[in-house]
Amino acid sequence: MAGDVKHDYHLVKPSPWPLLASLAIGAMVLGGAGYMKGLWFVPQGSWWGPLPGFVALIFVLIGWWGDVIKESRAGDHKEVVQISLRYGMVLFIASEVMFFVAWFWDFFEMAIYHTLRANPEHTDLANPALENLAHWDSWPVAQTDGTIVRTFDPFHLPLINTLILLLSGTTVTWAHHALQQGNRRAAIIGLLLTVILGMSFTALQVIEYMEAGFGYDKSLYGSAFFMATGFHGAHVVIGTIMLAVCLFRLIG
């Protein structure tokens, strides 16, 4: 018959989610630009600027991923579709790796070549954006008010959070293998422990930020630190939420 399906791919129905996601992201970007530079509808410094777009994006993702779950339950995710989803996740993780490469590259470039930047022969001292280079004779670079940046003890909270991350990797792997073997009880326990560890990591990260003796906008070290750790912390929060959804689905 002409209407018979002759392929293993699942053709999705027309969906509003891509358009709505684009609008939500656009609103979030405009709100962020207003927060930093000021726009006619978002005054500069308004922390709530990106919030409406962010909330809208959350609701869009809930609806979008909800449709994916419904398709999976309906048996639409054949083997070919599953392979496509796995490849998509691999490419997504590769793009995330490059994000972190950029943050670490920025940090180590400043840490290794700080004395070179402080050399007047290699610096345009007339550039007002580089007026604080007189402080670059040491690392971490002093803050804009001249105070010294006091870094964290790597064997205190950073070490604890690292151990929590490593442990969460073992518990989620345990849950994965238990799910493959049909051991639902062990999968639930593994996911529950992983969610608890993720929440613990986030709580300790907040405490670490509160104890920080430097600001995001006071030094290049502070900017690099909060950007890299904040970006990673956002991934932990999102991952914890997604694993919690998996846990509730497994329990239900």
Protein backbone atom coordinates (compact mmCIF):
# COMPACT_ATOMS: atom_id res chain seq x y z
CA MET A 1 0.00 0.00 0.00
CA ALA A 2 1.11 3.57 -0.67
CA GLY A 3 0.63 4.52 2.98
CA ASP A 4 2.71 1.67 4.41
CA VAL A 5 5.81 2.69 6.36
CA LYS A 6 8.96 1.38 4.67
CA HIS A 7 11.54 2.68 7.14
CA ASP A 8 12.41 2.36 10.83
CA TYR A 9 12.36 6.07 11.58
CA HIS A 10 9.66 7.68 13.68
CA LEU A 11 8.20 10.75 11.97
CA VAL A 12 7.10 13.11 14.71
CA LYS A 13 3.89 15.08 14.49
CA PRO A 14 3.95 18.87 14.03
CA SER A 15 5.13 20.34 17.33
CA PRO A 16 5.09 23.89 18.76
CA TRP A 17 8.07 23.25 21.04
CA PRO A 18 10.95 24.27 18.69
CA LEU A 19 9.35 27.65 17.97
CA LEU A 20 8.44 28.24 21.61
CA ALA A 21 11.95 27.24 22.73
CA SER A 22 13.48 29.73 20.28
CA LEU A 23 11.22 32.52 21.57
CA ALA A 24 12.03 31.65 25.21
CA ILE A 25 15.78 31.60 24.54
CA GLY A 26 15.53 34.89 22.64
CA ALA A 27 13.68 36.49 25.56
CA MET A 28 16.32 35.16 27.97
CA VAL A 29 19.18 36.55 25.85
CA LEU A 30 17.50 39.95 25.52
CA GLY A 31 16.84 40.00 29.25
CA GLY A 32 20.48 39.19 29.92
CA ALA A 33 21.60 41.97 27.57
CA GLY A 34 19.29 44.36 29.39
CA TYR A 35 20.73 43.29 32.73
CA MET A 36 24.28 43.98 31.53
CA LYS A 37 23.83 47.00 29.24
CA GLY A 38 20.27 48.19 29.68
CA LEU A 39 17.38 48.10 27.20
CA TRP A 40 14.19 50.11 26.97
CA PHE A 41 12.20 47.31 28.62
CA VAL A 42 14.92 46.03 31.00
CA PRO A 43 16.89 48.66 32.96
CA GLN A 44 20.57 47.98 33.48
CA GLY A 45 21.26 45.95 36.63
CA SER A 46 17.76 44.43 36.75
CA TRP A 47 18.43 40.89 37.97
CA TRP A 48 14.98 39.77 36.85
CA GLY A 49 15.76 40.53 33.18
CA PRO A 50 16.51 36.96 32.01
CA LEU A 51 13.99 35.40 34.44
CA PRO A 52 10.81 35.40 32.26
CA GLY A 53 12.62 33.77 29.34
CA PHE A 54 14.25 31.22 31.66
CA VAL A 55 10.92 30.25 33.27
CA ALA A 56 9.32 29.97 29.83
CA LEU A 57 12.18 27.75 28.65
CA ILE A 58 11.70 25.43 31.63
CA PHE A 59 8.02 24.95 30.80
CA VAL A 60 8.86 24.38 27.12
CA LEU A 61 11.44 21.71 28.00
CA ILE A 62 8.98 19.98 30.32
CA GLY A 63 6.42 19.80 27.52
CA TRP A 64 8.97 18.80 24.87
CA TRP A 65 10.58 16.05 26.91
CA GLY A 66 7.14 14.93 28.04
CA ASP A 67 6.27 14.30 24.39
CA VAL A 68 9.50 12.32 23.96
CA ILE A 69 8.52 10.15 26.94
CA LYS A 70 5.08 9.56 25.46
CA GLU A 71 6.64 8.52 22.13
CA SER A 72 8.93 6.11 23.93
CA ARG A 73 6.05 4.52 25.83
CA ALA A 74 4.12 4.18 22.59
CA GLY A 75 6.97 2.12 21.14
CA ASP A 76 7.95 4.71 18.51
CA HIS A 77 11.64 4.65 19.48
CA LYS A 78 12.81 1.75 17.32
CA GLU A 79 16.45 0.66 17.24
CA VAL A 80 17.40 3.20 14.56
CA VAL A 81 15.80 6.01 16.56
CA GLN A 82 17.64 4.91 19.70
CA ILE A 83 20.95 4.98 17.82
CA SER A 84 20.17 8.52 16.65
CA LEU A 85 19.40 9.60 20.21
CA ARG A 86 22.67 8.11 21.46
CA TYR A 87 24.68 9.84 18.73
CA GLY A 88 22.91 13.08 19.56
CA MET A 89 23.93 12.74 23.20
CA VAL A 90 27.53 12.00 22.23
CA LEU A 91 27.67 15.15 20.08
CA PHE A 92 26.08 17.16 22.89
CA ILE A 93 28.69 15.94 25.40
CA ALA A 94 31.46 16.75 22.89
CA SER A 95 30.18 20.32 22.60
CA GLU A 96 30.06 20.59 26.40
CA VAL A 97 33.67 19.40 26.60
CA MET A 98 34.70 22.24 24.28
CA PHE A 99 32.93 24.73 26.56
CA PHE A 100 35.06 23.58 29.48
CA VAL A 101 38.18 23.58 27.31
CA ALA A 102 37.52 27.29 26.73
CA TRP A 103 37.15 28.03 30.45
CA PHE A 104 40.30 26.10 31.43
CA TRP A 105 42.24 27.58 28.52
CA ASP A 106 41.31 31.06 29.73
CA PHE A 107 42.34 30.27 33.30
CA PHE A 108 45.69 28.66 32.50
CA GLU A 109 46.57 31.29 29.90
CA MET A 110 46.19 34.00 32.53
CA ALA A 111 47.92 31.95 35.22
CA ILE A 112 50.96 31.03 33.10
CA TYR A 113 51.50 34.28 31.19
CA HIS A 114 50.56 36.85 33.83
CA THR A 115 54.10 38.24 34.10
CA LEU A 116 54.32 38.63 30.33
CA ARG A 117 51.11 40.65 30.32
CA ALA A 118 52.50 42.92 33.04
CA ASN A 119 55.52 43.76 30.85
CA PRO A 120 55.01 47.26 29.36
CA GLU A 121 56.82 46.20 26.18
CA HIS A 122 54.02 43.75 25.37
CA THR A 123 51.07 45.82 26.57
CA ASP A 124 49.18 48.85 25.31
CA LEU A 125 49.15 50.80 28.57
CA ALA A 126 47.08 53.54 26.92
CA ASN A 127 44.17 51.12 26.65
CA PRO A 128 41.82 51.88 29.58
CA ALA A 129 40.64 48.25 29.54
CA LEU A 130 44.16 47.19 30.56
CA GLU A 131 44.74 49.77 33.28
CA ASN A 132 44.92 47.14 36.03
CA LEU A 133 47.89 45.32 34.48
CA ALA A 134 50.17 46.83 37.10
CA HIS A 135 48.80 44.17 39.45
CA TRP A 136 49.74 41.32 37.09
CA ASP A 137 53.15 40.72 38.68
CA SER A 138 51.59 37.93 40.78
CA TRP A 139 48.90 35.29 40.45
CA PRO A 140 46.07 35.35 41.31
CA VAL A 141 45.87 38.91 40.04
CA ALA A 142 44.85 41.43 42.68
CA GLN A 143 41.30 42.75 42.62
CA THR A 144 40.42 46.12 41.12
CA ASP A 145 40.46 47.71 44.59
CA GLY A 146 44.00 46.43 45.15
CA THR A 147 43.11 43.75 47.69
CA ILE A 148 44.79 40.36 47.42
CA VAL A 149 42.74 37.40 46.20
CA ARG A 150 42.71 34.64 48.81
CA THR A 151 42.05 31.32 47.12
CA PHE A 152 40.33 28.30 48.63
CA ASP A 153 42.15 25.53 50.42
CA PRO A 154 42.02 22.71 47.81
CA PHE A 155 41.93 20.11 50.61
CA HIS A 156 38.77 21.48 52.23
CA LEU A 157 35.44 22.02 50.42
CA PRO A 158 36.88 21.51 46.92
CA LEU A 159 38.20 18.07 47.90
CA ILE A 160 34.91 17.09 49.55
CA ASN A 161 32.92 18.12 46.46
CA THR A 162 35.33 16.24 44.19
CA LEU A 163 34.82 13.07 46.23
CA ILE A 164 31.05 13.59 46.11
CA LEU A 165 31.18 13.86 42.31
CA LEU A 166 33.27 10.69 41.99
CA LEU A 167 30.94 8.83 44.33
CA SER A 168 27.87 10.00 42.41
CA GLY A 169 29.45 8.60 39.25
CA THR A 170 29.67 5.17 40.87
CA THR A 171 26.09 5.24 42.18
CA VAL A 172 24.55 6.29 38.86
CA THR A 173 26.60 3.62 37.07
CA TRP A 174 25.33 1.07 39.58
CA ALA A 175 21.74 2.22 38.86
CA HIS A 176 22.37 1.95 35.11
CA HIS A 177 23.66 -1.62 35.31
CA ALA A 178 20.85 -2.58 37.70
CA LEU A 179 18.29 -1.23 35.24
CA GLN A 180 19.85 -3.19 32.39
CA GLN A 181 19.63 -6.35 34.49
CA GLY A 182 16.01 -5.71 35.44
CA ASN A 183 16.82 -5.10 39.11
CA ARG A 184 14.37 -2.29 39.77
CA ARG A 185 15.00 -2.04 43.52
CA ALA A 186 18.76 -1.60 43.08
CA ALA A 187 18.19 0.95 40.29
CA ILE A 188 15.93 3.00 42.56
CA ILE A 189 18.46 2.92 45.40
CA GLY A 190 21.31 3.91 43.07
CA LEU A 191 19.35 6.81 41.57
CA LEU A 192 18.18 7.97 45.00
CA LEU A 193 21.77 8.05 46.29
CA THR A 194 22.87 9.90 43.15
CA VAL A 195 20.19 12.58 43.57
CA ILE A 196 21.13 13.02 47.24
CA LEU A 197 24.80 13.39 46.29
CA GLY A 198 23.94 15.90 43.58
CA MET A 199 21.94 18.00 46.03
CA SER A 200 24.78 17.77 48.56
CA PHE A 201 27.28 18.97 45.95
CA THR A 202 25.09 21.95 45.08
CA ALA A 203 24.65 22.88 48.75
CA LEU A 204 28.40 22.78 49.37
CA GLN A 205 28.99 24.81 46.20
CA VAL A 206 26.67 27.51 47.52
CA ILE A 207 28.53 27.51 50.85
CA GLU A 208 31.82 27.82 48.96
CA TYR A 209 30.52 30.82 47.03
CA MET A 210 29.35 32.47 50.24
CA GLU A 211 32.79 31.99 51.80
CA ALA A 212 34.65 33.29 48.73
CA GLY A 213 36.90 36.23 49.56
CA PHE A 214 36.70 37.61 46.03
CA GLY A 215 33.98 38.75 43.66
CA TYR A 216 32.92 37.90 40.14
CA ASP A 217 33.58 41.42 38.84
CA LYS A 218 36.56 42.35 41.00
CA SER A 219 39.35 40.37 39.34
CA LEU A 220 40.14 38.17 36.37
CA TYR A 221 40.70 35.26 38.74
CA GLY A 222 37.23 35.75 40.24
CA SER A 223 35.63 35.97 36.80
CA ALA A 224 37.35 32.78 35.62
CA PHE A 225 36.56 30.95 38.87
CA PHE A 226 32.86 31.79 39.01
CA MET A 227 32.35 31.28 35.29
CA ALA A 228 33.91 27.81 35.23
CA THR A 229 32.53 26.53 38.54
CA GLY A 230 29.14 28.17 37.94
CA PHE A 231 28.87 26.60 34.49
CA HIS A 232 29.73 23.23 35.98
CA GLY A 233 27.36 23.76 38.90
CA ALA A 234 24.52 24.51 36.49
CA HIS A 235 25.20 21.16 34.80
CA VAL A 236 25.05 19.41 38.17
CA VAL A 237 21.71 21.06 39.02
CA ILE A 238 20.20 20.18 35.62
CA GLY A 239 21.55 16.63 35.82
CA THR A 240 20.17 16.20 39.34
CA ILE A 241 16.73 17.34 38.20
CA MET A 242 16.76 14.97 35.22
CA LEU A 243 17.87 12.05 37.39
CA ALA A 244 15.15 12.91 39.90
CA VAL A 245 12.59 12.70 37.07
CA CYS A 246 14.00 9.28 36.13
CA LEU A 247 13.76 8.23 39.77
CA PHE A 248 10.10 9.27 40.07
CA ARG A 249 9.25 7.50 36.82
CA LEU A 250 10.99 4.36 38.04
CA ILE A 251 9.18 4.46 41.37
CA GLY A 252 5.83 5.13 39.71
